[in-house]
Amino acid sequence: MDKDAKLSEAVLTAIGANRKIDAIKLLRQEQNIGLKEAKDIVDAYISKNPEVLPDQSRRGSFNTVPLLLAAAVTAVAYFAYKSL
């Protein structure tokens, strides 16, 4: 039996909103299954249907440039202040 067919609209909505933990919790409650089985089902669905995730989630990496830029500006401001 195809496990994807068992996913409710609520679980699919949680997956589409990038709320994987919520999707796993809902699936466990709905089907009365264990944590590992629910996680495996959700992971399998996501790997077969990557288009259901928001674009940011599909990139697979976090864009650290803004964070590094903010850290550099903060450091420069701090050292400029300390030198006064």
PDB file of N, CA and C in Angstrom:
ATOM      1  N   MET A   1       0.840  -1.181   0.000  1.00  0.00           N
ATOM      2  CA  MET A   1       0.000   0.000   0.000  1.00  0.00           C
ATOM      3  C   MET A   1       0.886   1.245   0.000  1.00  0.00           C
ATOM      4  N   ASP A   2       0.493   2.247  -0.758  1.00  0.00           N
ATOM      5  CA  ASP A   2       1.246   3.488  -0.851  1.00  0.00           C
ATOM      6  C   ASP A   2       0.965   4.348   0.376  1.00  0.00           C
ATOM      7  N   LYS A   3       2.014   4.613   1.155  1.00  0.00           N
ATOM      8  CA  LYS A   3       1.826   5.384   2.391  1.00  0.00           C
ATOM      9  C   LYS A   3       1.461   6.832   2.122  1.00  0.00           C
ATOM     10  N   ASP A   4       1.828   7.362   0.943  1.00  0.00           N
ATOM     11  CA  ASP A   4       1.484   8.745   0.610  1.00  0.00           C
ATOM     12  C   ASP A   4      -0.024   8.935   0.562  1.00  0.00           C
ATOM     13  N   ALA A   5      -0.752   7.924   0.158  1.00  0.00           N
ATOM     14  CA  ALA A   5      -2.205   8.036   0.032  1.00  0.00           C
ATOM     15  C   ALA A   5      -2.864   8.210   1.389  1.00  0.00           C
ATOM     16  N   LYS A   6      -2.175   7.855   2.467  1.00  0.00           N
ATOM     17  CA  LYS A   6      -2.734   7.945   3.804  1.00  0.00           C
ATOM     18  C   LYS A   6      -2.610   9.328   4.438  1.00  0.00           C
ATOM     19  N   LEU A   7      -1.927  10.233   3.805  1.00  0.00           N
ATOM     20  CA  LEU A   7      -1.701  11.542   4.411  1.00  0.00           C
ATOM     21  C   LEU A   7      -2.949  12.406   4.283  1.00  0.00           C
ATOM     22  N   SER A   8      -3.391  12.928   5.414  1.00  0.00           N
ATOM     23  CA  SER A   8      -4.581  13.775   5.429  1.00  0.00           C
ATOM     24  C   SER A   8      -4.247  15.168   4.907  1.00  0.00           C
ATOM     25  N   GLU A   9      -5.280  15.932   4.658  1.00  0.00           N
ATOM     26  CA  GLU A   9      -5.108  17.312   4.200  1.00  0.00           C
ATOM     27  C   GLU A   9      -4.369  18.142   5.257  1.00  0.00           C
ATOM     28  N   ALA A  10      -4.641  17.888   6.535  1.00  0.00           N
ATOM     29  CA  ALA A  10      -3.973  18.627   7.616  1.00  0.00           C
ATOM     30  C   ALA A  10      -2.471  18.348   7.620  1.00  0.00           C
ATOM     31  N   VAL A  11      -2.091  17.095   7.418  1.00  0.00           N
ATOM     32  CA  VAL A  11      -0.670  16.731   7.379  1.00  0.00           C
ATOM     33  C   VAL A  11      -0.007  17.373   6.161  1.00  0.00           C
ATOM     34  N   LEU A  12      -0.674  17.297   5.019  1.00  0.00           N
ATOM     35  CA  LEU A  12      -0.115  17.894   3.801  1.00  0.00           C
ATOM     36  C   LEU A  12       0.018  19.410   3.929  1.00  0.00           C
ATOM     37  N   THR A  13      -0.930  20.033   4.595  1.00  0.00           N
ATOM     38  CA  THR A  13      -0.869  21.481   4.816  1.00  0.00           C
ATOM     39  C   THR A  13       0.321  21.833   5.711  1.00  0.00           C
ATOM     40  N   ALA A  14       0.536  21.049   6.754  1.00  0.00           N
ATOM     41  CA  ALA A  14       1.677  21.283   7.651  1.00  0.00           C
ATOM     42  C   ALA A  14       2.994  21.109   6.898  1.00  0.00           C
ATOM     43  N   ILE A  15       3.071  20.092   6.056  1.00  0.00           N
ATOM     44  CA  ILE A  15       4.285  19.880   5.259  1.00  0.00           C
ATOM     45  C   ILE A  15       4.492  21.066   4.325  1.00  0.00           C
ATOM     46  N   GLY A  16       3.431  21.502   3.660  1.00  0.00           N
ATOM     47  CA  GLY A  16       3.527  22.628   2.727  1.00  0.00           C
ATOM     48  C   GLY A  16       3.900  23.933   3.394  1.00  0.00           C
ATOM     49  N   ALA A  17       3.596  24.054   4.685  1.00  0.00           N
ATOM     50  CA  ALA A  17       3.956  25.255   5.443  1.00  0.00           C
ATOM     51  C   ALA A  17       5.321  25.109   6.102  1.00  0.00           C
ATOM     52  N   ASN A  18       6.049  24.049   5.743  1.00  0.00           N
ATOM     53  CA  ASN A  18       7.379  23.765   6.284  1.00  0.00           C
ATOM     54  C   ASN A  18       7.332  23.547   7.797  1.00  0.00           C
ATOM     55  N   ARG A  19       6.256  22.933   8.284  1.00  0.00           N
ATOM     56  CA  ARG A  19       6.100  22.598   9.703  1.00  0.00           C
ATOM     57  C   ARG A  19       6.157  21.069   9.823  1.00  0.00           C
ATOM     58  N   LYS A  20       7.340  20.539   9.614  1.00  0.00           N
ATOM     59  CA  LYS A  20       7.546  19.090   9.572  1.00  0.00           C
ATOM     60  C   LYS A  20       7.198  18.428  10.912  1.00  0.00           C
ATOM     61  N   ILE A  21       7.582  19.040  12.009  1.00  0.00           N
ATOM     62  CA  ILE A  21       7.296  18.453  13.326  1.00  0.00           C
ATOM     63  C   ILE A  21       5.795  18.374  13.554  1.00  0.00           C
ATOM     64  N   ASP A  22       5.076  19.435  13.176  1.00  0.00           N
ATOM     65  CA  ASP A  22       3.618  19.416  13.307  1.00  0.00           C
ATOM     66  C   ASP A  22       3.009  18.326  12.434  1.00  0.00           C
ATOM     67  N   ALA A  23       3.549  18.162  11.235  1.00  0.00           N
ATOM     68  CA  ALA A  23       3.048  17.122  10.332  1.00  0.00           C
ATOM     69  C   ALA A  23       3.239  15.740  10.944  1.00  0.00           C
ATOM     70  N   ILE A  24       4.380  15.520  11.554  1.00  0.00           N
ATOM     71  CA  ILE A  24       4.668  14.225  12.186  1.00  0.00           C
ATOM     72  C   ILE A  24       3.725  13.999  13.363  1.00  0.00           C
ATOM     73  N   LYS A  25       3.514  15.032  14.180  1.00  0.00           N
ATOM     74  CA  LYS A  25       2.595  14.905  15.322  1.00  0.00           C
ATOM     75  C   LYS A  25       1.176  14.576  14.858  1.00  0.00           C
ATOM     76  N   LEU A  26       0.706  15.301  13.840  1.00  0.00           N
ATOM     77  CA  LEU A  26      -0.632  15.052  13.319  1.00  0.00           C
ATOM     78  C   LEU A  26      -0.767  13.631  12.782  1.00  0.00           C
ATOM     79  N   LEU A  27       0.224  13.198  12.037  1.00  0.00           N
ATOM     80  CA  LEU A  27       0.196  11.854  11.458  1.00  0.00           C
ATOM     81  C   LEU A  27       0.164  10.787  12.549  1.00  0.00           C
ATOM     82  N   ARG A  28       0.943  10.994  13.597  1.00  0.00           N
ATOM     83  CA  ARG A  28       0.950  10.040  14.716  1.00  0.00           C
ATOM     84  C   ARG A  28      -0.418   9.958  15.369  1.00  0.00           C
ATOM     85  N   GLN A  29      -1.046  11.109  15.581  1.00  0.00           N
ATOM     86  CA  GLN A  29      -2.370  11.133  16.213  1.00  0.00           C
ATOM     87  C   GLN A  29      -3.425  10.486  15.320  1.00  0.00           C
ATOM     88  N   GLU A  30      -3.393  10.821  14.042  1.00  0.00           N
ATOM     89  CA  GLU A  30      -4.407  10.325  13.117  1.00  0.00           C
ATOM     90  C   GLU A  30      -4.321   8.812  12.899  1.00  0.00           C
ATOM     91  N   GLN A  31      -3.084   8.311  12.806  1.00  0.00           N
ATOM     92  CA  GLN A  31      -2.916   6.905  12.448  1.00  0.00           C
ATOM     93  C   GLN A  31      -2.482   6.023  13.619  1.00  0.00           C
ATOM     94  N   ASN A  32      -2.302   6.633  14.788  1.00  0.00           N
ATOM     95  CA  ASN A  32      -1.886   5.892  15.974  1.00  0.00           C
ATOM     96  C   ASN A  32      -0.631   5.052  15.697  1.00  0.00           C
ATOM     97  N   ILE A  33       0.416   5.740  15.197  1.00  0.00           N
ATOM     98  CA  ILE A  33       1.680   5.072  14.875  1.00  0.00           C
ATOM     99  C   ILE A  33       2.794   5.694  15.699  1.00  0.00           C
ATOM    100  N   GLY A  34       3.942   5.071  15.664  1.00  0.00           N
ATOM    101  CA  GLY A  34       5.095   5.537  16.421  1.00  0.00           C
ATOM    102  C   GLY A  34       5.790   6.719  15.760  1.00  0.00           C
ATOM    103  N   LEU A  35       6.662   7.326  16.526  1.00  0.00           N
ATOM    104  CA  LEU A  35       7.389   8.511  16.068  1.00  0.00           C
ATOM    105  C   LEU A  35       8.254   8.210  14.846  1.00  0.00           C
ATOM    106  N   LYS A  36       9.020   7.137  14.899  1.00  0.00           N
ATOM    107  CA  LYS A  36       9.917   6.807  13.789  1.00  0.00           C
ATOM    108  C   LYS A  36       9.140   6.527  12.517  1.00  0.00           C
ATOM    109  N   GLU A  37       8.057   5.786  12.628  1.00  0.00           N
ATOM    110  CA  GLU A  37       7.268   5.467  11.439  1.00  0.00           C
ATOM    111  C   GLU A  37       6.663   6.732  10.832  1.00  0.00           C
ATOM    112  N   ALA A  38       6.142   7.611  11.684  1.00  0.00           N
ATOM    113  CA  ALA A  38       5.553   8.859  11.189  1.00  0.00           C
ATOM    114  C   ALA A  38       6.613   9.734  10.530  1.00  0.00           C
ATOM    115  N   LYS A  39       7.789   9.819  11.156  1.00  0.00           N
ATOM    116  CA  LYS A  39       8.876  10.619  10.587  1.00  0.00           C
ATOM    117  C   LYS A  39       9.306  10.048   9.249  1.00  0.00           C
ATOM    118  N   ASP A  40       9.424   8.737   9.162  1.00  0.00           N
ATOM    119  CA  ASP A  40       9.818   8.098   7.908  1.00  0.00           C
ATOM    120  C   ASP A  40       8.805   8.371   6.797  1.00  0.00           C
ATOM    121  N   ILE A  41       7.522   8.331   7.141  1.00  0.00           N
ATOM    122  CA  ILE A  41       6.473   8.587   6.144  1.00  0.00           C
ATOM    123  C   ILE A  41       6.556  10.029   5.651  1.00  0.00           C
ATOM    124  N   VAL A  42       6.694  10.981   6.577  1.00  0.00           N
ATOM    125  CA  VAL A  42       6.777  12.396   6.197  1.00  0.00           C
ATOM    126  C   VAL A  42       8.042  12.647   5.384  1.00  0.00           C
ATOM    127  N   ASP A  43       9.168  12.106   5.815  1.00  0.00           N
ATOM    128  CA  ASP A  43      10.426  12.275   5.072  1.00  0.00           C
ATOM    129  C   ASP A  43      10.326  11.686   3.668  1.00  0.00           C
ATOM    130  N   ALA A  44       9.711  10.512   3.555  1.00  0.00           N
ATOM    131  CA  ALA A  44       9.555   9.875   2.243  1.00  0.00           C
ATOM    132  C   ALA A  44       8.677  10.725   1.336  1.00  0.00           C
ATOM    133  N   TYR A  45       7.612  11.273   1.893  1.00  0.00           N
ATOM    134  CA  TYR A  45       6.728  12.119   1.099  1.00  0.00           C
ATOM    135  C   TYR A  45       7.475  13.353   0.601  1.00  0.00           C
ATOM    136  N   ILE A  46       8.245  13.978   1.494  1.00  0.00           N
ATOM    137  CA  ILE A  46       8.986  15.180   1.121  1.00  0.00           C
ATOM    138  C   ILE A  46      10.037  14.868   0.060  1.00  0.00           C
ATOM    139  N   SER A  47      10.736  13.735   0.206  1.00  0.00           N
ATOM    140  CA  SER A  47      11.765  13.406  -0.784  1.00  0.00           C
ATOM    141  C   SER A  47      11.161  13.063  -2.143  1.00  0.00           C
ATOM    142  N   LYS A  48       9.946  12.499  -2.162  1.00  0.00           N
ATOM    143  CA  LYS A  48       9.280  12.192  -3.432  1.00  0.00           C
ATOM    144  C   LYS A  48       8.617  13.420  -4.038  1.00  0.00           C
ATOM    145  N   ASN A  49       8.276  14.404  -3.199  1.00  0.00           N
ATOM    146  CA  ASN A  49       7.546  15.593  -3.638  1.00  0.00           C
ATOM    147  C   ASN A  49       8.213  16.868  -3.128  1.00  0.00           C
ATOM    148  N   PRO A  50       9.444  17.157  -3.523  1.00  0.00           N
ATOM    149  CA  PRO A  50      10.130  18.341  -2.984  1.00  0.00           C
ATOM    150  C   PRO A  50       9.444  19.653  -3.348  1.00  0.00           C
ATOM    151  N   GLU A  51       8.603  19.629  -4.362  1.00  0.00           N
ATOM    152  CA  GLU A  51       7.917  20.851  -4.777  1.00  0.00           C
ATOM    153  C   GLU A  51       6.897  21.334  -3.763  1.00  0.00           C
ATOM    154  N   VAL A  52       6.536  20.494  -2.787  1.00  0.00           N
ATOM    155  CA  VAL A  52       5.550  20.908  -1.785  1.00  0.00           C
ATOM    156  C   VAL A  52       6.143  21.865  -0.756  1.00  0.00           C
ATOM    157  N   LEU A  53       7.452  21.908  -0.648  1.00  0.00           N
ATOM    158  CA  LEU A  53       8.105  22.793   0.320  1.00  0.00           C
ATOM    159  C   LEU A  53       8.259  24.191  -0.251  1.00  0.00           C
ATOM    160  N   PRO A  54       8.253  25.193   0.616  1.00  0.00           N
ATOM    161  CA  PRO A  54       8.523  26.555   0.148  1.00  0.00           C
ATOM    162  C   PRO A  54       9.907  26.628  -0.488  1.00  0.00           C
ATOM    163  N   ASP A  55      10.113  27.576  -1.394  1.00  0.00           N
ATOM    164  CA  ASP A  55      11.384  27.697  -2.114  1.00  0.00           C
ATOM    165  C   ASP A  55      12.584  27.766  -1.186  1.00  0.00           C
ATOM    166  N   GLN A  56      12.470  28.503  -0.089  1.00  0.00           N
ATOM    167  CA  GLN A  56      13.590  28.670   0.832  1.00  0.00           C
ATOM    168  C   GLN A  56      14.036  27.332   1.403  1.00  0.00           C
ATOM    169  N   SER A  57      13.110  26.420   1.666  1.00  0.00           N
ATOM    170  CA  SER A  57      13.449  25.129   2.242  1.00  0.00           C
ATOM    171  C   SER A  57      14.156  24.233   1.242  1.00  0.00           C
ATOM    172  N   ARG A  58      13.867  24.395  -0.034  1.00  0.00           N
ATOM    173  CA  ARG A  58      14.470  23.542  -1.044  1.00  0.00           C
ATOM    174  C   ARG A  58      15.900  23.924  -1.354  1.00  0.00           C
ATOM    175  N   ARG A  59      16.316  25.113  -0.963  1.00  0.00           N
ATOM    176  CA  ARG A  59      17.681  25.523  -1.260  1.00  0.00           C
ATOM    177  C   ARG A  59      18.691  24.630  -0.564  1.00  0.00           C
ATOM    178  N   GLY A  60      18.355  24.175   0.605  1.00  0.00           N
ATOM    179  CA  GLY A  60      19.228  23.272   1.323  1.00  0.00           C
ATOM    180  C   GLY A  60      20.346  23.941   2.094  1.00  0.00           C
ATOM    181  N   SER A  61      20.473  25.243   1.975  1.00  0.00           N
ATOM    182  CA  SER A  61      21.511  25.932   2.732  1.00  0.00           C
ATOM    183  C   SER A  61      20.976  27.268   3.221  1.00  0.00           C
ATOM    184  N   PHE A  62      21.512  27.700   4.310  1.00  0.00           N
ATOM    185  CA  PHE A  62      21.105  28.964   4.916  1.00  0.00           C
ATOM    186  C   PHE A  62      21.997  30.057   4.357  1.00  0.00           C
ATOM    187  N   ASN A  63      21.417  31.150   3.952  1.00  0.00           N
ATOM    188  CA  ASN A  63      22.183  32.263   3.422  1.00  0.00           C
ATOM    189  C   ASN A  63      22.786  33.049   4.584  1.00  0.00           C
ATOM    190  N   THR A  64      24.075  32.923   4.787  1.00  0.00           N
ATOM    191  CA  THR A  64      24.736  33.534   5.934  1.00  0.00           C
ATOM    192  C   THR A  64      25.302  34.918   5.646  1.00  0.00           C
ATOM    193  N   VAL A  65      25.231  35.383   4.414  1.00  0.00           N
ATOM    194  CA  VAL A  65      25.825  36.682   4.069  1.00  0.00           C
ATOM    195  C   VAL A  65      25.245  37.815   4.909  1.00  0.00           C
ATOM    196  N   PRO A  66      23.914  37.951   5.033  1.00  0.00           N
ATOM    197  CA  PRO A  66      23.402  39.056   5.864  1.00  0.00           C
ATOM    198  C   PRO A  66      23.848  38.961   7.321  1.00  0.00           C
ATOM    199  N   LEU A  67      23.917  37.763   7.844  1.00  0.00           N
ATOM    200  CA  LEU A  67      24.353  37.580   9.228  1.00  0.00           C
ATOM    201  C   LEU A  67      25.812  37.988   9.399  1.00  0.00           C
ATOM    202  N   LEU A  68      26.659  37.579   8.471  1.00  0.00           N
ATOM    203  CA  LEU A  68      28.069  37.947   8.549  1.00  0.00           C
ATOM    204  C   LEU A  68      28.260  39.453   8.367  1.00  0.00           C
ATOM    205  N   LEU A  69      27.489  40.050   7.495  1.00  0.00           N
ATOM    206  CA  LEU A  69      27.572  41.495   7.293  1.00  0.00           C
ATOM    207  C   LEU A  69      27.166  42.244   8.557  1.00  0.00           C
ATOM    208  N   ALA A  70      26.101  41.805   9.192  1.00  0.00           N
ATOM    209  CA  ALA A  70      25.659  42.443  10.435  1.00  0.00           C
ATOM    210  C   ALA A  70      26.708  42.291  11.529  1.00  0.00           C
ATOM    211  N   ALA A  71      27.349  41.143  11.609  1.00  0.00           N
ATOM    212  CA  ALA A  71      28.392  40.917  12.609  1.00  0.00           C
ATOM    213  C   ALA A  71      29.592  41.824  12.349  1.00  0.00           C
ATOM    214  N   ALA A  72      29.953  41.974  11.086  1.00  0.00           N
ATOM    215  CA  ALA A  72      31.095  42.820  10.746  1.00  0.00           C
ATOM    216  C   ALA A  72      30.802  44.279  11.077  1.00  0.00           C
ATOM    217  N   VAL A  73      29.610  44.759  10.751  1.00  0.00           N
ATOM    218  CA  VAL A  73      29.241  46.144  11.057  1.00  0.00           C
ATOM    219  C   VAL A  73      29.232  46.365  12.563  1.00  0.00           C
ATOM    220  N   THR A  74      28.711  45.401  13.301  1.00  0.00           N
ATOM    221  CA  THR A  74      28.683  45.512  14.759  1.00  0.00           C
ATOM    222  C   THR A  74      30.102  45.563  15.332  1.00  0.00           C
ATOM    223  N   ALA A  75      30.989  44.737  14.802  1.00  0.00           N
ATOM    224  CA  ALA A  75      32.369  44.718  15.284  1.00  0.00           C
ATOM    225  C   ALA A  75      33.065  46.044  14.996  1.00  0.00           C
ATOM    226  N   VAL A  76      32.877  46.566  13.805  1.00  0.00           N
ATOM    227  CA  VAL A  76      33.500  47.849  13.456  1.00  0.00           C
ATOM    228  C   VAL A  76      32.968  48.956  14.361  1.00  0.00           C
ATOM    229  N   ALA A  77      31.668  48.972  14.576  1.00  0.00           N
ATOM    230  CA  ALA A  77      31.077  50.001  15.446  1.00  0.00           C
ATOM    231  C   ALA A  77      31.604  49.874  16.866  1.00  0.00           C
ATOM    232  N   TYR A  78      31.729  48.643  17.357  1.00  0.00           N
ATOM    233  CA  TYR A  78      32.216  48.416  18.707  1.00  0.00           C
ATOM    234  C   TYR A  78      33.655  48.921  18.858  1.00  0.00           C
ATOM    235  N   PHE A  79      34.525  48.571  17.925  1.00  0.00           N
ATOM    236  CA  PHE A  79      35.918  48.980  18.030  1.00  0.00           C
ATOM    237  C   PHE A  79      36.082  50.490  17.815  1.00  0.00           C
ATOM    238  N   ALA A  80      35.230  51.077  16.997  1.00  0.00           N
ATOM    239  CA  ALA A  80      35.276  52.529  16.800  1.00  0.00           C
ATOM    240  C   ALA A  80      34.877  53.233  18.104  1.00  0.00           C
ATOM    241  N   TYR A  81      33.861  52.711  18.777  1.00  0.00           N
ATOM    242  CA  TYR A  81      33.406  53.258  20.045  1.00  0.00           C
ATOM    243  C   TYR A  81      34.488  53.122  21.117  1.00  0.00           C
ATOM    244  N   LYS A  82      35.137  51.953  21.181  1.00  0.00           N
ATOM    245  CA  LYS A  82      36.153  51.694  22.202  1.00  0.00           C
ATOM    246  C   LYS A  82      37.384  52.580  21.999  1.00  0.00           C
ATOM    247  N   SER A  83      37.644  52.986  20.759  1.00  0.00           N
ATOM    248  CA  SER A  83      38.843  53.797  20.506  1.00  0.00           C
ATOM    249  C   SER A  83      38.646  55.270  20.820  1.00  0.00           C
ATOM    250  N   LEU A  84      37.405  55.668  21.129  1.00  0.00           N
ATOM    251  CA  LEU A  84      37.159  57.075  21.465  1.00  0.00           C
ATOM    252  C   LEU A  84      37.671  57.443  22.800  1.00  0.00           C
TER     253      LEU A  84
END
